[in-house]
N, C-alpha and C. Protein backbone atom coordinates (compact mmCIF):
# COMPACT_ATOMS: atom_id res chain seq x y z
N UNK A 1 -24.42 -55.29 -150.67
CA UNK A 1 -25.26 -54.33 -151.32
C UNK A 1 -26.69 -54.85 -151.47
N UNK A 2 -26.77 -56.11 -151.78
CA UNK A 2 -28.07 -56.70 -151.95
C UNK A 2 -28.83 -56.70 -150.62
N UNK A 3 -28.16 -56.93 -149.50
CA UNK A 3 -28.79 -56.93 -148.19
C UNK A 3 -29.29 -55.53 -147.84
N UNK A 4 -28.47 -54.53 -148.12
CA UNK A 4 -28.90 -53.17 -147.81
C UNK A 4 -30.07 -52.76 -148.72
N UNK A 5 -30.07 -53.22 -149.96
CA UNK A 5 -31.20 -52.92 -150.86
C UNK A 5 -32.48 -53.57 -150.32
N UNK A 6 -32.39 -54.82 -149.87
CA UNK A 6 -33.55 -55.49 -149.28
C UNK A 6 -33.98 -54.79 -147.99
N UNK A 7 -33.01 -54.32 -147.21
CA UNK A 7 -33.33 -53.60 -145.98
C UNK A 7 -34.06 -52.30 -146.28
N UNK A 8 -33.53 -51.55 -147.27
CA UNK A 8 -34.20 -50.31 -147.68
C UNK A 8 -35.61 -50.60 -148.23
N UNK A 9 -35.73 -51.63 -149.00
CA UNK A 9 -37.03 -52.03 -149.56
C UNK A 9 -38.00 -52.41 -148.44
N UNK A 10 -37.49 -53.15 -147.45
CA UNK A 10 -38.33 -53.53 -146.31
C UNK A 10 -38.77 -52.31 -145.51
N UNK A 11 -37.83 -51.39 -145.24
CA UNK A 11 -38.16 -50.17 -144.49
C UNK A 11 -39.16 -49.34 -145.28
N UNK A 12 -38.94 -49.19 -146.59
CA UNK A 12 -39.87 -48.42 -147.43
C UNK A 12 -41.26 -49.05 -147.42
N UNK A 13 -41.33 -50.37 -147.52
CA UNK A 13 -42.61 -51.07 -147.49
C UNK A 13 -43.29 -50.88 -146.13
N UNK A 14 -42.51 -50.96 -145.05
CA UNK A 14 -43.08 -50.77 -143.71
C UNK A 14 -43.62 -49.35 -143.56
N UNK A 15 -42.85 -48.36 -144.02
CA UNK A 15 -43.32 -46.97 -143.96
C UNK A 15 -44.58 -46.76 -144.81
N UNK A 16 -44.60 -47.37 -145.97
CA UNK A 16 -45.78 -47.29 -146.84
C UNK A 16 -47.00 -47.93 -146.17
N UNK A 17 -46.81 -49.08 -145.53
CA UNK A 17 -47.90 -49.76 -144.82
C UNK A 17 -48.41 -48.90 -143.68
N UNK A 18 -47.50 -48.27 -142.91
CA UNK A 18 -47.91 -47.40 -141.80
C UNK A 18 -48.69 -46.20 -142.34
N UNK A 19 -48.20 -45.61 -143.45
CA UNK A 19 -48.89 -44.46 -144.04
C UNK A 19 -50.29 -44.85 -144.50
N UNK A 20 -50.42 -45.99 -145.17
CA UNK A 20 -51.74 -46.45 -145.65
C UNK A 20 -52.66 -46.73 -144.48
N UNK A 21 -52.13 -47.33 -143.42
CA UNK A 21 -52.93 -47.63 -142.23
C UNK A 21 -53.44 -46.34 -141.59
N UNK A 22 -52.55 -45.37 -141.36
CA UNK A 22 -52.94 -44.11 -140.73
C UNK A 22 -53.93 -43.35 -141.62
N UNK A 23 -53.65 -43.32 -142.90
CA UNK A 23 -54.54 -42.64 -143.85
C UNK A 23 -55.91 -43.32 -143.86
N UNK A 24 -55.94 -44.62 -143.88
CA UNK A 24 -57.20 -45.37 -143.86
C UNK A 24 -57.99 -45.12 -142.59
N UNK A 25 -57.28 -45.07 -141.46
CA UNK A 25 -57.96 -44.82 -140.18
C UNK A 25 -58.62 -43.44 -140.17
N UNK A 26 -57.88 -42.44 -140.66
CA UNK A 26 -58.46 -41.08 -140.67
C UNK A 26 -59.62 -41.00 -141.65
N UNK A 27 -59.52 -41.69 -142.79
CA UNK A 27 -60.61 -41.70 -143.75
C UNK A 27 -61.82 -42.42 -143.16
N UNK A 28 -61.58 -43.53 -142.46
CA UNK A 28 -62.66 -44.28 -141.83
C UNK A 28 -63.35 -43.44 -140.77
N UNK A 29 -62.57 -42.73 -139.96
CA UNK A 29 -63.13 -41.87 -138.93
C UNK A 29 -63.96 -40.76 -139.56
N UNK A 30 -63.47 -40.17 -140.64
CA UNK A 30 -64.19 -39.11 -141.34
C UNK A 30 -65.52 -39.63 -141.89
N UNK A 31 -65.51 -40.80 -142.49
CA UNK A 31 -66.73 -41.39 -143.06
C UNK A 31 -67.73 -41.74 -141.95
N UNK A 32 -67.25 -42.26 -140.82
CA UNK A 32 -68.14 -42.58 -139.70
C UNK A 32 -68.80 -41.32 -139.16
N UNK A 33 -68.04 -40.22 -139.05
CA UNK A 33 -68.62 -38.95 -138.61
C UNK A 33 -69.67 -38.47 -139.59
N UNK A 34 -69.40 -38.62 -140.87
CA UNK A 34 -70.36 -38.22 -141.91
C UNK A 34 -71.64 -39.06 -141.81
N UNK A 35 -71.48 -40.37 -141.58
CA UNK A 35 -72.63 -41.26 -141.44
C UNK A 35 -73.47 -40.85 -140.22
N UNK A 36 -72.81 -40.57 -139.10
CA UNK A 36 -73.52 -40.15 -137.89
C UNK A 36 -74.28 -38.85 -138.15
N UNK A 37 -73.65 -37.90 -138.84
CA UNK A 37 -74.30 -36.63 -139.14
C UNK A 37 -75.51 -36.84 -140.05
N UNK A 38 -75.37 -37.69 -141.04
CA UNK A 38 -76.48 -37.98 -141.95
C UNK A 38 -77.62 -38.69 -141.22
N UNK A 39 -77.28 -39.57 -140.28
CA UNK A 39 -78.33 -40.24 -139.51
C UNK A 39 -79.09 -39.24 -138.64
N UNK A 40 -78.38 -38.29 -138.05
CA UNK A 40 -79.04 -37.24 -137.26
C UNK A 40 -79.93 -36.39 -138.16
N UNK A 41 -79.43 -36.04 -139.34
CA UNK A 41 -80.23 -35.26 -140.30
C UNK A 41 -81.48 -36.03 -140.71
N UNK A 42 -81.34 -37.34 -140.91
CA UNK A 42 -82.47 -38.17 -141.29
C UNK A 42 -83.53 -38.19 -140.18
N UNK A 43 -83.09 -38.33 -138.95
CA UNK A 43 -84.02 -38.33 -137.81
C UNK A 43 -84.77 -37.01 -137.74
N UNK A 44 -84.05 -35.89 -137.91
CA UNK A 44 -84.69 -34.57 -137.89
C UNK A 44 -85.68 -34.42 -139.05
N UNK A 45 -85.29 -34.90 -140.23
CA UNK A 45 -86.18 -34.82 -141.39
C UNK A 45 -87.44 -35.67 -141.18
N UNK A 46 -87.28 -36.86 -140.61
CA UNK A 46 -88.44 -37.72 -140.34
C UNK A 46 -89.38 -37.07 -139.33
N UNK A 47 -88.81 -36.44 -138.31
CA UNK A 47 -89.63 -35.74 -137.33
C UNK A 47 -90.38 -34.58 -137.97
N UNK A 48 -89.72 -33.87 -138.87
CA UNK A 48 -90.37 -32.74 -139.55
C UNK A 48 -91.49 -33.24 -140.45
N UNK A 49 -91.25 -34.33 -141.18
CA UNK A 49 -92.28 -34.90 -142.04
C UNK A 49 -93.47 -35.35 -141.21
N UNK A 50 -93.21 -35.99 -140.09
CA UNK A 50 -94.29 -36.44 -139.21
C UNK A 50 -95.10 -35.25 -138.68
N UNK A 51 -94.39 -34.20 -138.31
CA UNK A 51 -95.06 -32.99 -137.82
C UNK A 51 -95.92 -32.36 -138.91
N UNK A 52 -95.36 -32.23 -140.11
CA UNK A 52 -96.11 -31.65 -141.22
C UNK A 52 -97.29 -32.54 -141.61
N UNK A 53 -97.09 -33.84 -141.55
CA UNK A 53 -98.16 -34.77 -141.88
C UNK A 53 -99.31 -34.65 -140.90
N UNK A 54 -98.99 -34.55 -139.61
CA UNK A 54 -100.06 -34.41 -138.62
C UNK A 54 -100.75 -33.05 -138.75
N UNK A 55 -99.99 -32.00 -139.10
CA UNK A 55 -100.60 -30.69 -139.34
C UNK A 55 -101.54 -30.74 -140.53
N UNK A 56 -101.09 -31.40 -141.61
CA UNK A 56 -101.91 -31.51 -142.81
C UNK A 56 -103.17 -32.33 -142.52
N UNK A 57 -103.02 -33.39 -141.74
CA UNK A 57 -104.17 -34.21 -141.37
C UNK A 57 -105.17 -33.38 -140.57
N UNK A 58 -104.66 -32.58 -139.65
CA UNK A 58 -105.53 -31.71 -138.86
C UNK A 58 -106.22 -30.68 -139.72
N UNK A 59 -105.51 -30.13 -140.69
CA UNK A 59 -106.12 -29.15 -141.60
C UNK A 59 -107.18 -29.82 -142.47
N UNK A 60 -106.90 -31.03 -142.92
CA UNK A 60 -107.86 -31.73 -143.76
C UNK A 60 -109.13 -32.05 -142.97
N UNK A 61 -108.98 -32.44 -141.74
CA UNK A 61 -110.13 -32.75 -140.92
C UNK A 61 -110.88 -31.50 -140.47
N UNK A 62 -110.22 -30.34 -140.53
CA UNK A 62 -110.86 -29.11 -140.09
C UNK A 62 -112.05 -28.76 -140.98
N UNK A 63 -112.00 -29.12 -142.24
CA UNK A 63 -113.09 -28.83 -143.16
C UNK A 63 -113.70 -30.14 -143.63
N UNK A 64 -114.45 -30.75 -142.76
CA UNK A 64 -115.08 -32.02 -143.09
C UNK A 64 -116.38 -32.15 -142.31
N UNK A 65 -117.38 -32.67 -142.96
CA UNK A 65 -118.66 -32.88 -142.29
C UNK A 65 -118.50 -33.82 -141.10
N UNK A 66 -117.61 -34.77 -141.21
CA UNK A 66 -117.42 -35.76 -140.16
C UNK A 66 -116.95 -35.12 -138.85
N UNK A 67 -116.17 -34.04 -138.92
CA UNK A 67 -115.63 -33.42 -137.71
C UNK A 67 -116.29 -32.08 -137.38
N UNK A 68 -117.27 -31.66 -138.17
CA UNK A 68 -117.94 -30.39 -137.95
C UNK A 68 -119.15 -30.61 -137.03
N UNK A 69 -118.97 -30.30 -135.77
CA UNK A 69 -120.01 -30.57 -134.76
C UNK A 69 -121.32 -29.83 -135.06
N UNK A 70 -121.21 -28.58 -135.51
CA UNK A 70 -122.43 -27.81 -135.80
C UNK A 70 -123.22 -28.44 -136.95
N UNK A 71 -122.51 -28.86 -137.98
CA UNK A 71 -123.18 -29.49 -139.12
C UNK A 71 -123.80 -30.82 -138.72
N UNK A 72 -123.08 -31.58 -137.92
CA UNK A 72 -123.63 -32.86 -137.46
C UNK A 72 -124.88 -32.65 -136.61
N UNK A 73 -124.84 -31.65 -135.74
CA UNK A 73 -126.02 -31.33 -134.90
C UNK A 73 -127.19 -30.91 -135.76
N UNK A 74 -126.92 -30.10 -136.79
CA UNK A 74 -127.98 -29.64 -137.70
C UNK A 74 -128.67 -30.84 -138.35
N UNK A 75 -127.87 -31.77 -138.86
CA UNK A 75 -128.45 -32.94 -139.51
C UNK A 75 -129.22 -33.81 -138.52
N UNK A 76 -128.65 -34.02 -137.35
CA UNK A 76 -129.33 -34.85 -136.35
C UNK A 76 -130.63 -34.20 -135.88
N UNK A 77 -130.66 -32.88 -135.76
CA UNK A 77 -131.88 -32.18 -135.36
C UNK A 77 -132.98 -32.31 -136.41
N UNK A 78 -132.59 -32.51 -137.65
CA UNK A 78 -133.57 -32.72 -138.73
C UNK A 78 -133.93 -34.19 -138.87
N UNK A 79 -133.39 -35.03 -138.00
CA UNK A 79 -133.70 -36.46 -138.03
C UNK A 79 -132.92 -37.22 -139.08
N UNK A 80 -131.79 -36.67 -139.49
CA UNK A 80 -130.98 -37.32 -140.51
C UNK A 80 -129.73 -37.93 -139.88
N UNK A 81 -129.36 -39.10 -140.35
CA UNK A 81 -128.13 -39.74 -139.90
C UNK A 81 -126.98 -39.22 -140.77
N UNK A 82 -125.97 -38.58 -140.18
CA UNK A 82 -124.87 -38.01 -140.98
C UNK A 82 -124.19 -39.02 -141.90
N UNK A 83 -123.97 -40.24 -141.44
CA UNK A 83 -123.31 -41.22 -142.30
C UNK A 83 -124.18 -41.58 -143.50
N UNK A 84 -125.49 -41.62 -143.30
CA UNK A 84 -126.40 -41.88 -144.42
C UNK A 84 -126.42 -40.71 -145.39
N UNK A 85 -126.34 -39.48 -144.86
CA UNK A 85 -126.31 -38.29 -145.72
C UNK A 85 -125.05 -38.33 -146.58
N UNK A 86 -123.91 -38.62 -145.96
CA UNK A 86 -122.64 -38.69 -146.71
C UNK A 86 -122.75 -39.74 -147.81
N UNK A 87 -123.25 -40.91 -147.45
CA UNK A 87 -123.37 -41.99 -148.44
C UNK A 87 -124.34 -41.61 -149.55
N UNK A 88 -125.45 -40.99 -149.21
CA UNK A 88 -126.46 -40.60 -150.20
C UNK A 88 -125.90 -39.55 -151.16
N UNK A 89 -125.21 -38.55 -150.64
CA UNK A 89 -124.66 -37.49 -151.48
C UNK A 89 -123.58 -38.06 -152.39
N UNK A 90 -122.66 -38.84 -151.84
CA UNK A 90 -121.60 -39.42 -152.66
C UNK A 90 -122.17 -40.33 -153.74
N UNK A 91 -123.15 -41.13 -153.37
CA UNK A 91 -123.79 -42.03 -154.32
C UNK A 91 -124.47 -41.25 -155.44
N UNK A 92 -125.14 -40.18 -155.08
CA UNK A 92 -125.83 -39.35 -156.09
C UNK A 92 -124.83 -38.72 -157.05
N UNK A 93 -123.73 -38.19 -156.52
CA UNK A 93 -122.73 -37.56 -157.39
C UNK A 93 -122.09 -38.57 -158.34
N UNK A 94 -121.73 -39.73 -157.82
CA UNK A 94 -121.09 -40.75 -158.65
C UNK A 94 -122.08 -41.34 -159.65
N UNK A 95 -123.35 -41.47 -159.26
CA UNK A 95 -124.33 -42.05 -160.18
C UNK A 95 -124.59 -41.14 -161.38
N UNK A 96 -124.24 -39.89 -161.26
CA UNK A 96 -124.41 -38.97 -162.40
C UNK A 96 -123.27 -39.09 -163.41
N UNK A 97 -122.25 -39.89 -163.11
CA UNK A 97 -121.21 -40.19 -164.10
C UNK A 97 -121.79 -41.19 -165.09
N UNK A 98 -121.86 -40.80 -166.34
CA UNK A 98 -122.43 -41.66 -167.38
C UNK A 98 -121.31 -42.20 -168.26
N UNK A 99 -121.54 -43.37 -168.83
CA UNK A 99 -120.54 -43.98 -169.71
C UNK A 99 -120.43 -43.23 -171.03
N UNK A 100 -121.54 -42.65 -171.49
CA UNK A 100 -121.55 -42.03 -172.81
C UNK A 100 -121.81 -40.52 -172.78
N UNK A 101 -121.68 -39.89 -171.59
CA UNK A 101 -121.93 -38.44 -171.51
C UNK A 101 -121.17 -37.87 -170.32
N UNK A 102 -121.01 -36.55 -170.36
CA UNK A 102 -120.38 -35.86 -169.24
C UNK A 102 -121.32 -35.88 -168.03
N UNK A 103 -120.75 -35.77 -166.86
CA UNK A 103 -121.54 -35.61 -165.63
C UNK A 103 -122.27 -34.28 -165.75
N UNK A 104 -123.57 -34.27 -165.51
CA UNK A 104 -124.37 -33.05 -165.72
C UNK A 104 -124.05 -31.95 -164.71
N UNK A 105 -123.33 -32.25 -163.64
CA UNK A 105 -122.95 -31.21 -162.68
C UNK A 105 -121.69 -30.46 -163.12
N UNK A 106 -120.95 -31.02 -164.06
CA UNK A 106 -119.73 -30.38 -164.58
C UNK A 106 -120.15 -29.48 -165.74
N UNK A 107 -119.90 -28.18 -165.63
CA UNK A 107 -120.38 -27.25 -166.67
C UNK A 107 -119.47 -27.17 -167.90
N UNK A 108 -118.60 -28.11 -168.09
CA UNK A 108 -117.70 -28.13 -169.24
C UNK A 108 -117.92 -29.42 -170.02
N UNK A 109 -117.59 -29.36 -171.32
CA UNK A 109 -117.65 -30.56 -172.13
C UNK A 109 -116.28 -31.22 -172.12
N UNK A 110 -116.26 -32.52 -171.96
CA UNK A 110 -115.00 -33.26 -171.96
C UNK A 110 -114.29 -33.13 -173.30
N UNK A 111 -112.98 -33.01 -173.27
CA UNK A 111 -112.21 -32.83 -174.50
C UNK A 111 -111.54 -34.12 -174.94
N UNK A 112 -111.07 -34.92 -173.98
CA UNK A 112 -110.45 -36.21 -174.30
C UNK A 112 -111.26 -37.35 -173.70
N UNK A 113 -112.54 -37.21 -173.71
CA UNK A 113 -113.44 -38.17 -173.09
C UNK A 113 -114.53 -37.41 -172.38
N UNK A 114 -115.22 -38.09 -171.50
CA UNK A 114 -116.30 -37.45 -170.76
C UNK A 114 -115.82 -37.08 -169.36
N UNK A 115 -116.22 -35.90 -168.90
CA UNK A 115 -115.87 -35.48 -167.56
C UNK A 115 -116.67 -36.29 -166.55
N UNK A 116 -115.95 -36.82 -165.57
CA UNK A 116 -116.58 -37.59 -164.50
C UNK A 116 -116.05 -37.11 -163.16
N UNK A 117 -116.91 -37.07 -162.18
CA UNK A 117 -116.50 -36.71 -160.82
C UNK A 117 -115.78 -37.91 -160.23
N UNK A 118 -114.60 -37.65 -159.63
CA UNK A 118 -113.85 -38.77 -159.09
C UNK A 118 -113.49 -38.61 -157.61
N UNK A 119 -113.55 -37.41 -157.06
CA UNK A 119 -113.27 -37.20 -155.64
C UNK A 119 -114.35 -36.29 -155.07
N UNK A 120 -114.76 -36.60 -153.84
CA UNK A 120 -115.85 -35.85 -153.21
C UNK A 120 -115.49 -35.61 -151.75
N UNK A 121 -115.76 -34.38 -151.29
CA UNK A 121 -115.56 -34.07 -149.88
C UNK A 121 -116.71 -33.19 -149.43
N UNK A 122 -117.46 -33.67 -148.45
CA UNK A 122 -118.53 -32.88 -147.87
C UNK A 122 -117.94 -32.01 -146.78
N UNK A 123 -118.10 -30.69 -146.92
CA UNK A 123 -117.54 -29.76 -145.96
C UNK A 123 -118.45 -29.57 -144.76
N UNK A 124 -119.74 -29.46 -145.02
CA UNK A 124 -120.71 -29.27 -143.94
C UNK A 124 -122.07 -29.74 -144.44
N UNK A 125 -123.14 -29.26 -143.82
CA UNK A 125 -124.48 -29.71 -144.19
C UNK A 125 -125.00 -29.06 -145.46
N UNK A 126 -124.20 -28.20 -146.10
CA UNK A 126 -124.64 -27.50 -147.32
C UNK A 126 -123.65 -27.55 -148.48
N UNK A 127 -122.37 -27.70 -148.20
CA UNK A 127 -121.35 -27.52 -149.23
C UNK A 127 -120.57 -28.80 -149.52
N UNK A 128 -120.18 -28.91 -150.79
CA UNK A 128 -119.40 -30.05 -151.27
C UNK A 128 -118.26 -29.52 -152.13
N UNK A 129 -117.09 -30.13 -152.00
CA UNK A 129 -116.00 -29.94 -152.95
C UNK A 129 -115.84 -31.24 -153.71
N UNK A 130 -115.65 -31.14 -155.02
CA UNK A 130 -115.46 -32.34 -155.84
C UNK A 130 -114.44 -32.03 -156.92
N UNK A 131 -113.77 -33.08 -157.37
CA UNK A 131 -112.87 -32.91 -158.50
C UNK A 131 -113.38 -33.80 -159.63
N UNK A 132 -113.06 -33.38 -160.85
CA UNK A 132 -113.51 -34.13 -162.02
C UNK A 132 -112.36 -34.21 -163.02
N UNK A 133 -112.45 -35.17 -163.93
CA UNK A 133 -111.43 -35.34 -164.95
C UNK A 133 -111.99 -36.09 -166.14
N UNK A 134 -111.33 -35.90 -167.29
CA UNK A 134 -111.64 -36.71 -168.46
C UNK A 134 -110.44 -37.58 -168.84
N UNK A 135 -109.46 -37.62 -167.96
CA UNK A 135 -108.25 -38.39 -168.20
C UNK A 135 -107.07 -37.50 -168.55
N UNK A 136 -107.33 -36.37 -169.18
CA UNK A 136 -106.28 -35.42 -169.53
C UNK A 136 -106.50 -34.09 -168.83
N UNK A 137 -107.70 -33.61 -168.88
CA UNK A 137 -108.06 -32.34 -168.26
C UNK A 137 -108.76 -32.63 -166.94
N UNK A 138 -108.65 -31.72 -166.01
CA UNK A 138 -109.24 -31.93 -164.70
C UNK A 138 -109.67 -30.59 -164.13
N UNK A 139 -110.45 -30.66 -163.08
CA UNK A 139 -110.91 -29.44 -162.45
C UNK A 139 -111.56 -29.72 -161.12
N UNK A 140 -112.05 -28.65 -160.51
CA UNK A 140 -112.70 -28.73 -159.20
C UNK A 140 -114.08 -28.09 -159.29
N UNK A 141 -114.96 -28.59 -158.44
CA UNK A 141 -116.32 -28.07 -158.36
C UNK A 141 -116.63 -27.65 -156.94
N UNK A 142 -117.39 -26.58 -156.82
CA UNK A 142 -117.98 -26.20 -155.55
C UNK A 142 -119.48 -26.36 -155.72
N UNK A 143 -120.04 -27.27 -154.96
CA UNK A 143 -121.45 -27.62 -155.08
C UNK A 143 -122.19 -27.33 -153.77
N UNK A 144 -123.47 -27.10 -153.88
CA UNK A 144 -124.31 -27.03 -152.69
C UNK A 144 -125.34 -28.15 -152.78
N UNK A 145 -125.78 -28.59 -151.62
CA UNK A 145 -126.83 -29.62 -151.62
C UNK A 145 -127.85 -29.30 -150.54
N UNK A 146 -129.04 -29.78 -150.79
CA UNK A 146 -130.16 -29.56 -149.86
C UNK A 146 -130.97 -30.84 -149.80
N UNK A 147 -131.28 -31.25 -148.59
CA UNK A 147 -132.15 -32.41 -148.41
C UNK A 147 -133.49 -31.88 -147.95
N UNK A 148 -134.49 -32.07 -148.79
CA UNK A 148 -135.82 -31.54 -148.50
C UNK A 148 -136.53 -32.33 -147.41
N UNK A 149 -137.68 -31.82 -147.03
CA UNK A 149 -138.49 -32.49 -146.01
C UNK A 149 -138.89 -33.90 -146.44
N UNK A 150 -139.05 -34.08 -147.75
CA UNK A 150 -139.42 -35.40 -148.27
C UNK A 150 -138.19 -36.29 -148.53
N UNK A 151 -137.03 -35.85 -148.01
CA UNK A 151 -135.76 -36.59 -148.07
C UNK A 151 -135.17 -36.65 -149.49
N UNK A 152 -135.69 -35.81 -150.39
CA UNK A 152 -135.11 -35.73 -151.73
C UNK A 152 -133.86 -34.86 -151.68
N UNK A 153 -132.88 -35.26 -152.45
CA UNK A 153 -131.60 -34.57 -152.48
C UNK A 153 -131.52 -33.70 -153.73
N UNK A 154 -131.19 -32.44 -153.53
CA UNK A 154 -131.00 -31.52 -154.66
C UNK A 154 -129.57 -30.99 -154.60
N UNK A 155 -128.83 -31.18 -155.69
CA UNK A 155 -127.44 -30.75 -155.77
C UNK A 155 -127.32 -29.71 -156.87
N UNK A 156 -126.62 -28.61 -156.57
CA UNK A 156 -126.45 -27.52 -157.53
C UNK A 156 -124.98 -27.14 -157.63
N UNK A 157 -124.52 -26.95 -158.85
CA UNK A 157 -123.15 -26.48 -159.06
C UNK A 157 -123.11 -24.97 -158.87
N UNK A 158 -122.23 -24.51 -157.99
CA UNK A 158 -122.08 -23.08 -157.74
C UNK A 158 -120.91 -22.50 -158.53
N UNK A 159 -119.78 -23.17 -158.48
CA UNK A 159 -118.58 -22.71 -159.16
C UNK A 159 -117.84 -23.91 -159.71
N UNK A 160 -117.09 -23.68 -160.79
CA UNK A 160 -116.27 -24.72 -161.38
C UNK A 160 -114.96 -24.11 -161.87
N UNK A 161 -113.92 -24.89 -161.76
CA UNK A 161 -112.60 -24.45 -162.19
C UNK A 161 -111.99 -25.56 -163.02
N UNK A 162 -111.58 -25.21 -164.25
CA UNK A 162 -110.97 -26.19 -165.15
C UNK A 162 -109.49 -25.87 -165.29
N UNK A 163 -108.64 -26.85 -165.01
CA UNK A 163 -107.20 -26.69 -165.18
C UNK A 163 -106.83 -27.19 -166.56
N UNK A 164 -105.76 -26.65 -167.10
CA UNK A 164 -105.27 -27.12 -168.38
C UNK A 164 -103.87 -27.68 -168.19
N UNK A 165 -103.55 -28.77 -168.90
CA UNK A 165 -102.19 -29.32 -168.74
C UNK A 165 -101.17 -28.35 -169.35
N UNK A 166 -100.01 -28.36 -168.77
CA UNK A 166 -98.94 -27.45 -169.26
C UNK A 166 -98.35 -27.91 -170.55
């Protein structure tokens, strides 16, 4: 009786081992298929991100003095170096940020500090987009600029938009 009990126990253990092996193999195969599918999805997502990134880069460059041939020609015809114009305009805007007062181009009073211009983008030979913040509140500016015959720079605020935190 003891031999038959050990035989039954051995057969049961062998059957259990075969079941665990087969079950493990099918689970492993299922997980490998899932991994392959996720890797394919990742590749597609990376391609989409790259495509969107290049589209966004192209859109960003579409409205820039650096890539605007007509604006560059206009400046060069007036005897102005575009890189110097960009540097001069950016320097002028940033120099108007004061330690103890709001930037005079921002038509709002700072609420949690002083409003300062922190980002600048020259669109062409006449227009500028800028953003400003006081650390809590922020906004955007649409500015125009003119370089006179005497090379003096005049900047005027045309529109301003103030966002409020939610």
